[in-house]
Amino acid sequence: MAKQDEISYVETVSRVDNVSVSDFTSYLSRKPYSDISAGDYLMDISQLLKFLPPRPARVLDLGVGSGWTSEIFAHVGYAVVGLDISPDMIEIAKSKVTEGLNLRFYVHDYEKPFSFGLFDAVVMYDSLHHCENENQVIENICAALTPQGLFLAIEPGRGHSRSKAAADAARKYGTTERDMPFHYVKRVLVKKGFREVKQYMCLKQLSLFDLSKPTDGLRQLRHLVWLVLKTVRLGATSVIVAQK
């Protein structure tokens, strides 16, 4: 049932939240700029850009929704293929394909093998935790990568599935919401053929203090240490970088 709800996500959200399909589509077409969390979204993508191989590499973007991540990668200079299980989402995404962008979108379930050639990098931004079979997804990704290819992801860690936001989304929209802590994702990646897997803190979680105040400088340092411990020890949201 979860997959069907994700396939018809636009219709489901419109019905459940009592908003018109056109209004919801308009919001999605302008995402991330239309979202209150635009700053967090853009910070995440900035982090991923730091780890992508040099342009013009081929990038496979999985679970793209309305396609805004793929559009940014293409504007930066990558050759991008974006996939999503929802036909409505891909229709919205295709509106972002403009002259001069090496950007293509297709309806595809990322739990099924890909047939779009080989890629220098595969990105999953906040989408692996929506899958039902992560072992199959990672196997598909490994097969789609060139030798030395990179897999990049930002995924919620321990406790995500029990958070209010995730529980509400699962209840209202039928989406799959799972924990994807780094230690578990690393184990799957290594099992499926990745030789090096690295973990980085997700910078959007870093609270900023006024460094012009000596006391706040100390608070900033303490918060940084706490975030490192939270990421490593408690399984908080991580940036994952794996090399085949």
C-alpha atoms as a PDB file:
ATOM      1  CA  MET A   1       0.000   0.000   0.000  1.00  0.00           C
ATOM      2  CA  ALA A   2       2.860   2.372   0.812  1.00  0.00           C
ATOM      3  CA  LYS A   3       4.249   2.245  -2.723  1.00  0.00           C
ATOM      4  CA  GLN A   4       0.866   2.999  -4.242  1.00  0.00           C
ATOM      5  CA  ASP A   5       0.484   5.994  -1.927  1.00  0.00           C
ATOM      6  CA  GLU A   6       3.911   7.228  -2.988  1.00  0.00           C
ATOM      7  CA  ILE A   7       3.061   6.700  -6.666  1.00  0.00           C
ATOM      8  CA  SER A   8      -0.055   8.840  -6.218  1.00  0.00           C
ATOM      9  CA  TYR A   9       1.579  11.180  -3.677  1.00  0.00           C
ATOM     10  CA  VAL A  10       0.395  14.451  -5.236  1.00  0.00           C
ATOM     11  CA  GLU A  11      -3.210  13.295  -5.323  1.00  0.00           C
ATOM     12  CA  THR A  12      -2.979  11.796  -1.816  1.00  0.00           C
ATOM     13  CA  VAL A  13      -1.595  14.962  -0.192  1.00  0.00           C
ATOM     14  CA  SER A  14      -4.114  17.149  -2.020  1.00  0.00           C
ATOM     15  CA  ARG A  15      -6.990  14.988  -0.810  1.00  0.00           C
ATOM     16  CA  VAL A  16      -5.802  14.538   2.774  1.00  0.00           C
ATOM     17  CA  ASP A  17      -4.802  18.184   3.289  1.00  0.00           C
ATOM     18  CA  ASN A  18      -7.814  19.505   1.395  1.00  0.00           C
ATOM     19  CA  VAL A  19      -5.777  21.618  -1.027  1.00  0.00           C
ATOM     20  CA  SER A  20      -6.245  21.765  -4.758  1.00  0.00           C
ATOM     21  CA  VAL A  21      -3.924  19.708  -6.949  1.00  0.00           C
ATOM     22  CA  SER A  22      -2.996  22.886  -8.824  1.00  0.00           C
ATOM     23  CA  ASP A  23      -1.986  24.700  -5.613  1.00  0.00           C
ATOM     24  CA  PHE A  24       0.081  21.758  -4.381  1.00  0.00           C
ATOM     25  CA  THR A  25       1.654  21.351  -7.811  1.00  0.00           C
ATOM     26  CA  SER A  26       2.554  25.049  -7.809  1.00  0.00           C
ATOM     27  CA  TYR A  27       4.263  24.656  -4.425  1.00  0.00           C
ATOM     28  CA  LEU A  28       6.193  21.595  -5.637  1.00  0.00           C
ATOM     29  CA  SER A  29       7.266  23.251  -8.879  1.00  0.00           C
ATOM     30  CA  ARG A  30       8.826  26.135  -6.880  1.00  0.00           C
ATOM     31  CA  LYS A  31      10.449  23.933  -4.233  1.00  0.00           C
ATOM     32  CA  PRO A  32      12.815  24.436  -2.400  1.00  0.00           C
ATOM     33  CA  TYR A  33      12.253  28.196  -2.581  1.00  0.00           C
ATOM     34  CA  SER A  34       8.548  27.826  -1.748  1.00  0.00           C
ATOM     35  CA  ASP A  35       9.280  25.877   1.447  1.00  0.00           C
ATOM     36  CA  ILE A  36       9.818  27.324   4.910  1.00  0.00           C
ATOM     37  CA  SER A  37      12.876  25.045   5.219  1.00  0.00           C
ATOM     38  CA  ALA A  38      14.515  26.347   2.025  1.00  0.00           C
ATOM     39  CA  GLY A  39      17.683  27.309   3.912  1.00  0.00           C
ATOM     40  CA  ASP A  40      18.107  23.771   5.266  1.00  0.00           C
ATOM     41  CA  TYR A  41      17.465  22.202   1.864  1.00  0.00           C
ATOM     42  CA  LEU A  42      19.998  24.430   0.127  1.00  0.00           C
ATOM     43  CA  MET A  43      22.584  23.844   2.850  1.00  0.00           C
ATOM     44  CA  ASP A  44      22.206  20.083   2.366  1.00  0.00           C
ATOM     45  CA  ILE A  45      22.690  20.320  -1.386  1.00  0.00           C
ATOM     46  CA  SER A  46      25.703  22.591  -0.902  1.00  0.00           C
ATOM     47  CA  GLN A  47      27.259  19.859   1.233  1.00  0.00           C
ATOM     48  CA  LEU A  48      26.593  17.206  -1.390  1.00  0.00           C
ATOM     49  CA  LEU A  49      28.108  19.405  -4.100  1.00  0.00           C
ATOM     50  CA  LYS A  50      31.383  19.449  -2.156  1.00  0.00           C
ATOM     51  CA  PHE A  51      31.661  15.668  -2.517  1.00  0.00           C
ATOM     52  CA  LEU A  52      30.536  15.204  -6.122  1.00  0.00           C
ATOM     53  CA  PRO A  53      33.264  14.345  -8.677  1.00  0.00           C
ATOM     54  CA  PRO A  54      34.507  17.091 -11.027  1.00  0.00           C
ATOM     55  CA  ARG A  55      32.134  18.378 -13.695  1.00  0.00           C
ATOM     56  CA  PRO A  56      30.896  17.299 -16.186  1.00  0.00           C
ATOM     57  CA  ALA A  57      30.371  13.923 -14.475  1.00  0.00           C
ATOM     58  CA  ARG A  58      27.246  11.825 -14.969  1.00  0.00           C
ATOM     59  CA  VAL A  59      24.992  11.897 -11.893  1.00  0.00           C
ATOM     60  CA  LEU A  60      22.026   9.634 -11.149  1.00  0.00           C
ATOM     61  CA  ASP A  61      19.616  11.292  -8.702  1.00  0.00           C
ATOM     62  CA  LEU A  62      17.197   8.865  -7.019  1.00  0.00           C
ATOM     63  CA  GLY A  63      13.837   9.654  -5.436  1.00  0.00           C
ATOM     64  CA  VAL A  64      13.905  13.191  -6.810  1.00  0.00           C
ATOM     65  CA  GLY A  65      10.278  14.161  -6.181  1.00  0.00           C
ATOM     66  CA  SER A  66       9.666  17.384  -8.088  1.00  0.00           C
ATOM     67  CA  GLY A  67      13.247  17.360  -9.390  1.00  0.00           C
ATOM     68  CA  TRP A  68      14.734  20.432  -7.741  1.00  0.00           C
ATOM     69  CA  THR A  69      17.916  18.667  -6.594  1.00  0.00           C
ATOM     70  CA  SER A  70      18.568  17.380 -10.123  1.00  0.00           C
ATOM     71  CA  GLU A  71      17.955  20.854 -11.531  1.00  0.00           C
ATOM     72  CA  ILE A  72      20.595  22.371  -9.220  1.00  0.00           C
ATOM     73  CA  PHE A  73      23.129  19.677 -10.137  1.00  0.00           C
ATOM     74  CA  ALA A  74      22.468  20.303 -13.842  1.00  0.00           C
ATOM     75  CA  HIS A  75      22.828  24.080 -13.479  1.00  0.00           C
ATOM     76  CA  VAL A  76      26.189  23.516 -11.781  1.00  0.00           C
ATOM     77  CA  GLY A  77      27.319  21.585 -14.857  1.00  0.00           C
ATOM     78  CA  TYR A  78      26.605  17.895 -14.300  1.00  0.00           C
ATOM     79  CA  ALA A  79      24.871  15.526 -16.726  1.00  0.00           C
ATOM     80  CA  VAL A  80      21.911  14.414 -14.624  1.00  0.00           C
ATOM     81  CA  VAL A  81      19.284  11.679 -14.802  1.00  0.00           C
ATOM     82  CA  GLY A  82      16.576  11.950 -12.141  1.00  0.00           C
ATOM     83  CA  LEU A  83      14.226   9.114 -11.191  1.00  0.00           C
ATOM     84  CA  ASP A  84      11.079   8.991  -9.100  1.00  0.00           C
ATOM     85  CA  ILE A  85       8.296   6.457  -8.629  1.00  0.00           C
ATOM     86  CA  SER A  86       5.533   9.069  -8.971  1.00  0.00           C
ATOM     87  CA  PRO A  87       4.432   9.977 -12.528  1.00  0.00           C
ATOM     88  CA  ASP A  88       2.909  13.230 -11.242  1.00  0.00           C
ATOM     89  CA  MET A  89       6.189  14.235  -9.643  1.00  0.00           C
ATOM     90  CA  ILE A  90       8.118  13.471 -12.809  1.00  0.00           C
ATOM     91  CA  GLU A  91       5.713  15.602 -14.836  1.00  0.00           C
ATOM     92  CA  ILE A  92       6.489  18.508 -12.514  1.00  0.00           C
ATOM     93  CA  ALA A  93      10.200  17.743 -12.734  1.00  0.00           C
ATOM     94  CA  LYS A  94      10.173  17.726 -16.536  1.00  0.00           C
ATOM     95  CA  SER A  95       9.101  21.380 -16.498  1.00  0.00           C
ATOM     96  CA  LYS A  96      12.585  22.147 -15.135  1.00  0.00           C
ATOM     97  CA  VAL A  97      14.292  20.791 -18.257  1.00  0.00           C
ATOM     98  CA  THR A  98      15.274  23.925 -20.142  1.00  0.00           C
ATOM     99  CA  GLU A  99      17.595  24.573 -23.068  1.00  0.00           C
ATOM    100  CA  GLY A 100      21.230  24.166 -22.155  1.00  0.00           C
ATOM    101  CA  LEU A 101      20.680  21.797 -19.231  1.00  0.00           C
ATOM    102  CA  ASN A 102      21.911  18.214 -19.535  1.00  0.00           C
ATOM    103  CA  LEU A 103      18.958  16.952 -17.529  1.00  0.00           C
ATOM    104  CA  ARG A 104      16.511  14.071 -18.013  1.00  0.00           C
ATOM    105  CA  PHE A 105      13.737  12.653 -15.828  1.00  0.00           C
ATOM    106  CA  TYR A 106      12.093   9.224 -15.856  1.00  0.00           C
ATOM    107  CA  VAL A 107       9.437   7.402 -13.853  1.00  0.00           C
ATOM    108  CA  HIS A 108      11.217   4.493 -12.193  1.00  0.00           C
ATOM    109  CA  ASP A 109      11.113   2.519  -8.950  1.00  0.00           C
ATOM    110  CA  TYR A 110      14.653   2.639  -7.554  1.00  0.00           C
ATOM    111  CA  GLU A 111      14.115  -0.806  -6.016  1.00  0.00           C
ATOM    112  CA  LYS A 112      14.237  -2.181  -9.569  1.00  0.00           C
ATOM    113  CA  PRO A 113      17.470  -2.385 -11.653  1.00  0.00           C
ATOM    114  CA  PHE A 114      18.419   0.662 -13.731  1.00  0.00           C
ATOM    115  CA  SER A 115      19.015   0.728 -17.485  1.00  0.00           C
ATOM    116  CA  PHE A 116      20.325   4.250 -17.985  1.00  0.00           C
ATOM    117  CA  GLY A 117      24.020   3.479 -18.461  1.00  0.00           C
ATOM    118  CA  LEU A 118      26.846   3.994 -15.989  1.00  0.00           C
ATOM    119  CA  PHE A 119      27.267   7.002 -13.709  1.00  0.00           C
ATOM    120  CA  ASP A 120      30.172   8.658 -11.927  1.00  0.00           C
ATOM    121  CA  ALA A 121      27.981   9.374  -8.899  1.00  0.00           C
ATOM    122  CA  VAL A 122      24.604   8.355  -7.513  1.00  0.00           C
ATOM    123  CA  VAL A 123      22.786  10.682  -5.096  1.00  0.00           C
ATOM    124  CA  MET A 124      19.963   9.877  -2.697  1.00  0.00           C
ATOM    125  CA  TYR A 125      18.860  12.978  -0.847  1.00  0.00           C
ATOM    126  CA  ASP A 126      16.508  12.067   1.986  1.00  0.00           C
ATOM    127  CA  SER A 127      15.012   9.195  -0.011  1.00  0.00           C
ATOM    128  CA  LEU A 128      16.663   5.894   0.989  1.00  0.00           C
ATOM    129  CA  HIS A 129      14.595   5.785   4.184  1.00  0.00           C
ATOM    130  CA  HIS A 130      11.427   5.627   2.058  1.00  0.00           C
ATOM    131  CA  CYS A 131      12.388   2.291   0.471  1.00  0.00           C
ATOM    132  CA  GLU A 132      11.158  -1.155   1.455  1.00  0.00           C
ATOM    133  CA  ASN A 133      14.312  -3.081   0.493  1.00  0.00           C
ATOM    134  CA  GLU A 134      17.489  -1.074   0.981  1.00  0.00           C
ATOM    135  CA  ASN A 135      19.669  -4.062   0.096  1.00  0.00           C
ATOM    136  CA  GLN A 136      18.170  -4.150  -3.397  1.00  0.00           C
ATOM    137  CA  VAL A 137      18.487  -0.380  -3.782  1.00  0.00           C
ATOM    138  CA  ILE A 138      22.185  -0.402  -2.864  1.00  0.00           C
ATOM    139  CA  GLU A 139      22.801  -3.377  -5.155  1.00  0.00           C
ATOM    140  CA  ASN A 140      21.180  -1.439  -8.018  1.00  0.00           C
ATOM    141  CA  ILE A 141      23.276   1.622  -7.223  1.00  0.00           C
ATOM    142  CA  CYS A 142      26.523  -0.347  -7.163  1.00  0.00           C
ATOM    143  CA  ALA A 143      25.711  -1.875 -10.562  1.00  0.00           C
ATOM    144  CA  ALA A 144      25.007   1.592 -12.013  1.00  0.00           C
ATOM    145  CA  LEU A 145      28.325   3.112 -10.918  1.00  0.00           C
ATOM    146  CA  THR A 146      31.568   3.268 -12.855  1.00  0.00           C
ATOM    147  CA  PRO A 147      34.700   1.857 -11.189  1.00  0.00           C
ATOM    148  CA  GLN A 148      35.665   4.290  -8.403  1.00  0.00           C
ATOM    149  CA  GLY A 149      32.142   5.771  -8.617  1.00  0.00           C
ATOM    150  CA  LEU A 150      30.641   7.589  -5.616  1.00  0.00           C
ATOM    151  CA  PHE A 151      27.395   7.164  -3.700  1.00  0.00           C
ATOM    152  CA  LEU A 152      26.243  10.245  -1.769  1.00  0.00           C
ATOM    153  CA  ALA A 153      23.317  10.406   0.619  1.00  0.00           C
ATOM    154  CA  ILE A 154      21.829  12.415   3.438  1.00  0.00           C
ATOM    155  CA  GLU A 155      19.595  10.222   5.574  1.00  0.00           C
ATOM    156  CA  PRO A 156      17.818  10.552   8.928  1.00  0.00           C
ATOM    157  CA  GLY A 157      19.290   8.447  11.672  1.00  0.00           C
ATOM    158  CA  ARG A 158      18.047   6.675  14.761  1.00  0.00           C
ATOM    159  CA  GLY A 159      14.615   7.752  15.985  1.00  0.00           C
ATOM    160  CA  HIS A 160      13.379   9.260  12.713  1.00  0.00           C
ATOM    161  CA  SER A 161      10.508   6.794  12.280  1.00  0.00           C
ATOM    162  CA  ARG A 162       9.239   7.649  15.778  1.00  0.00           C
ATOM    163  CA  SER A 163       9.405  11.407  15.295  1.00  0.00           C
ATOM    164  CA  LYS A 164       6.129  13.282  15.122  1.00  0.00           C
ATOM    165  CA  ALA A 165       6.745  14.513  11.571  1.00  0.00           C
ATOM    166  CA  ALA A 166       7.534  11.029  10.251  1.00  0.00           C
ATOM    167  CA  ALA A 167       4.663   9.387  12.136  1.00  0.00           C
ATOM    168  CA  ASP A 168       2.230  12.013  10.818  1.00  0.00           C
ATOM    169  CA  ALA A 169       3.457  11.555   7.237  1.00  0.00           C
ATOM    170  CA  ALA A 170       3.108   7.783   7.437  1.00  0.00           C
ATOM    171  CA  ARG A 171      -0.359   8.027   8.950  1.00  0.00           C
ATOM    172  CA  LYS A 172      -1.715  10.756   6.670  1.00  0.00           C
ATOM    173  CA  TYR A 173      -0.021   9.992   3.361  1.00  0.00           C
ATOM    174  CA  GLY A 174       0.954   6.327   3.628  1.00  0.00           C
ATOM    175  CA  THR A 175       4.655   6.968   3.025  1.00  0.00           C
ATOM    176  CA  THR A 176       7.330   4.572   4.260  1.00  0.00           C
ATOM    177  CA  GLU A 177       9.344   6.178   7.068  1.00  0.00           C
ATOM    178  CA  ARG A 178      12.323   4.261   8.457  1.00  0.00           C
ATOM    179  CA  ASP A 179      15.480   4.917  10.458  1.00  0.00           C
ATOM    180  CA  MET A 180      18.688   4.887   8.368  1.00  0.00           C
ATOM    181  CA  PRO A 181      21.539   5.339  10.885  1.00  0.00           C
ATOM    182  CA  PHE A 182      25.016   5.461   9.408  1.00  0.00           C
ATOM    183  CA  HIS A 183      26.324   2.257  10.992  1.00  0.00           C
ATOM    184  CA  TYR A 184      23.516   0.256   9.395  1.00  0.00           C
ATOM    185  CA  VAL A 185      23.772   1.892   5.953  1.00  0.00           C
ATOM    186  CA  LYS A 186      27.540   1.362   6.012  1.00  0.00           C
ATOM    187  CA  ARG A 187      27.072  -2.343   6.699  1.00  0.00           C
ATOM    188  CA  VAL A 188      24.756  -2.687   3.694  1.00  0.00           C
ATOM    189  CA  LEU A 189      27.083  -0.659   1.452  1.00  0.00           C
ATOM    190  CA  VAL A 190      30.118  -2.783   2.336  1.00  0.00           C
ATOM    191  CA  LYS A 191      28.155  -5.984   1.844  1.00  0.00           C
ATOM    192  CA  LYS A 192      27.099  -4.848  -1.635  1.00  0.00           C
ATOM    193  CA  GLY A 193      30.604  -3.975  -2.822  1.00  0.00           C
ATOM    194  CA  PHE A 194      31.577  -0.490  -1.629  1.00  0.00           C
ATOM    195  CA  ARG A 195      35.156  -0.428  -0.361  1.00  0.00           C
ATOM    196  CA  GLU A 196      35.198   2.883   1.513  1.00  0.00           C
ATOM    197  CA  VAL A 197      32.326   4.483   3.428  1.00  0.00           C
ATOM    198  CA  LYS A 198      32.669   7.835   5.203  1.00  0.00           C
ATOM    199  CA  GLN A 199      30.374   9.742   7.563  1.00  0.00           C
ATOM    200  CA  TYR A 200      30.103  13.519   7.914  1.00  0.00           C
ATOM    201  CA  MET A 201      27.954  15.661  10.164  1.00  0.00           C
ATOM    202  CA  CYS A 202      24.948  17.302   8.545  1.00  0.00           C
ATOM    203  CA  LEU A 203      25.695  21.012   8.906  1.00  0.00           C
ATOM    204  CA  LYS A 204      22.073  22.150   8.962  1.00  0.00           C
ATOM    205  CA  GLN A 205      21.931  20.683  12.485  1.00  0.00           C
ATOM    206  CA  LEU A 206      24.623  23.086  13.689  1.00  0.00           C
ATOM    207  CA  SER A 207      23.137  25.924  15.713  1.00  0.00           C
ATOM    208  CA  LEU A 208      25.013  29.206  15.293  1.00  0.00           C
ATOM    209  CA  PHE A 209      25.947  31.524  18.145  1.00  0.00           C
ATOM    210  CA  ASP A 210      27.171  35.132  18.138  1.00  0.00           C
ATOM    211  CA  LEU A 211      30.967  34.768  18.156  1.00  0.00           C
ATOM    212  CA  SER A 212      31.408  38.460  19.009  1.00  0.00           C
ATOM    213  CA  LYS A 213      30.392  37.456  22.548  1.00  0.00           C
ATOM    214  CA  PRO A 214      33.051  35.454  24.441  1.00  0.00           C
ATOM    215  CA  THR A 215      30.453  33.390  26.264  1.00  0.00           C
ATOM    216  CA  ASP A 216      28.736  32.482  22.988  1.00  0.00           C
ATOM    217  CA  GLY A 217      32.053  31.371  21.536  1.00  0.00           C
ATOM    218  CA  LEU A 218      32.261  28.749  24.270  1.00  0.00           C
ATOM    219  CA  ARG A 219      28.635  27.767  23.678  1.00  0.00           C
ATOM    220  CA  GLN A 220      29.400  27.334  19.972  1.00  0.00           C
ATOM    221  CA  LEU A 221      32.323  25.046  20.748  1.00  0.00           C
ATOM    222  CA  ARG A 222      30.242  22.956  23.148  1.00  0.00           C
ATOM    223  CA  HIS A 223      27.457  22.651  20.606  1.00  0.00           C
ATOM    224  CA  LEU A 224      29.919  21.525  17.935  1.00  0.00           C
ATOM    225  CA  VAL A 225      31.304  18.819  20.221  1.00  0.00           C
ATOM    226  CA  TRP A 226      27.772  17.747  21.113  1.00  0.00           C
ATOM    227  CA  LEU A 227      26.833  17.497  17.417  1.00  0.00           C
ATOM    228  CA  VAL A 228      29.889  15.374  16.639  1.00  0.00           C
ATOM    229  CA  LEU A 229      28.995  13.012  19.490  1.00  0.00           C
ATOM    230  CA  LYS A 230      25.356  12.955  18.428  1.00  0.00           C
ATOM    231  CA  THR A 231      26.317  12.096  14.850  1.00  0.00           C
ATOM    232  CA  VAL A 232      28.859   9.404  15.729  1.00  0.00           C
ATOM    233  CA  ARG A 233      27.435   7.907  18.916  1.00  0.00           C
ATOM    234  CA  LEU A 234      23.696   8.491  18.707  1.00  0.00           C
ATOM    235  CA  GLY A 235      23.146   7.953  14.997  1.00  0.00           C
ATOM    236  CA  ALA A 236      21.887  11.415  14.054  1.00  0.00           C
ATOM    237  CA  THR A 237      21.255  12.466  10.467  1.00  0.00           C
ATOM    238  CA  SER A 238      24.464  11.938   8.478  1.00  0.00           C
ATOM    239  CA  VAL A 239      26.042  12.780   5.173  1.00  0.00           C
ATOM    240  CA  ILE A 240      27.206   9.467   3.698  1.00  0.00           C
ATOM    241  CA  VAL A 241      29.971   9.265   1.080  1.00  0.00           C
ATOM    242  CA  ALA A 242      30.846   5.820  -0.281  1.00  0.00           C
ATOM    243  CA  GLN A 243      33.305   4.829  -2.999  1.00  0.00           C
ATOM    244  CA  LYS A 244      32.910   1.716  -5.089  1.00  0.00           C
END
